[in-house]
Protein backbone atom coordinates (compact mmCIF):
# COMPACT_ATOMS: atom_id res chain seq x y z
CA MET A 1 3.99 8.94 12.01
CA LEU A 2 4.51 5.19 11.87
CA TYR A 3 4.60 5.34 8.07
CA LEU A 4 7.37 7.96 8.19
CA GLN A 5 9.39 5.88 10.64
CA ALA A 6 9.00 2.80 8.44
CA ARG A 7 10.23 4.71 5.40
CA LEU A 8 13.17 6.12 7.37
CA LYS A 9 14.15 2.62 8.51
CA LYS A 10 13.85 1.30 4.97
CA ALA A 11 16.04 4.13 3.65
CA SER A 12 18.67 3.59 6.34
CA ASP A 13 18.65 -0.16 5.62
CA TYR A 14 19.18 0.54 1.93
CA ILE A 15 22.03 2.96 2.61
CA SER A 16 23.79 0.57 4.99
CA LEU A 17 23.38 -2.31 2.54
CA SER A 18 24.72 -0.25 -0.37
CA GLU A 19 27.72 0.79 1.75
CA LYS A 20 28.48 -2.83 2.72
CA LEU A 21 28.22 -4.00 -0.88
CA ASP A 22 30.13 -0.95 -2.14
CA ILE A 23 27.35 0.14 -4.51
CA PRO A 24 27.91 3.75 -5.61
CA LEU A 25 24.88 6.01 -5.85
CA VAL A 26 25.90 7.58 -9.14
CA GLN A 27 23.62 8.18 -12.09
CA ASN A 28 24.41 6.02 -15.09
CA PRO A 29 25.43 8.25 -18.03
CA ASN A 30 23.67 5.82 -20.41
CA ALA A 31 20.37 6.12 -18.55
CA PRO A 32 17.65 8.12 -20.33
CA ASN A 33 17.00 11.62 -19.07
CA ILE A 34 13.48 11.46 -17.70
CA LYS A 35 11.47 14.65 -17.36
CA PRO A 36 8.31 14.83 -15.28
CA ILE A 37 5.03 15.12 -17.17
CA LEU A 38 3.13 18.28 -16.32
CA LEU A 39 -0.47 17.51 -15.44
CA LYS A 40 -3.38 19.89 -15.18
CA LYS A 41 -4.49 20.53 -11.64
CA VAL A 42 -7.97 19.32 -10.86
CA LYS A 43 -10.27 21.98 -9.49
CA LYS A 44 -11.98 20.03 -6.74
CA GLU A 45 -14.08 22.95 -5.56
CA ASN A 46 -15.93 23.19 -8.87
CA GLN A 47 -16.46 19.43 -8.97
CA LEU A 48 -17.88 19.48 -5.47
CA LYS A 49 -20.28 22.29 -6.38
CA GLU A 50 -21.38 20.41 -9.50
CA CYS A 51 -21.89 17.24 -7.48
CA ILE A 52 -23.98 19.07 -4.89
CA ASN A 53 -26.01 20.81 -7.60
CA ASP A 54 -26.64 17.49 -9.37
CA TYR A 55 -27.72 15.91 -6.08
CA ILE A 56 -30.10 18.76 -5.31
CA ASN A 57 -31.55 18.74 -8.84
CA ASN A 58 -32.06 14.98 -8.76
CA TYR A 59 -33.65 15.16 -5.32
CA LEU A 60 -35.99 17.95 -6.40
CA LEU A 61 -36.92 16.05 -9.54
CA TYR A 62 -37.61 12.94 -7.45
CA CYS A 63 -39.79 14.95 -5.07
CA LEU A 64 -41.73 16.54 -7.92
CA LEU A 65 -42.27 13.22 -9.70
CA SER A 66 -43.31 11.41 -6.55
CA TYR A 67 -45.69 14.23 -5.65
CA HIS A 68 -47.15 14.24 -9.15
CA ILE A 69 -47.61 10.45 -9.18
CA SER A 70 -49.28 10.43 -5.75
């Protein structure tokens, strides 16, 4: 909540400053038209399952090797 209040204060400070300095908030027609880059969504559930499976496999391998060595 504090972060949101800080951003709100910063935005209001910027708006009041731009009004006092008479800075218009108009897009420059010479500015390049920027389009957002579409990114693939990461499937975290599958990564978590793979991580857990790797952990279990490594633990089992460790147990088998330590049992075999003993």
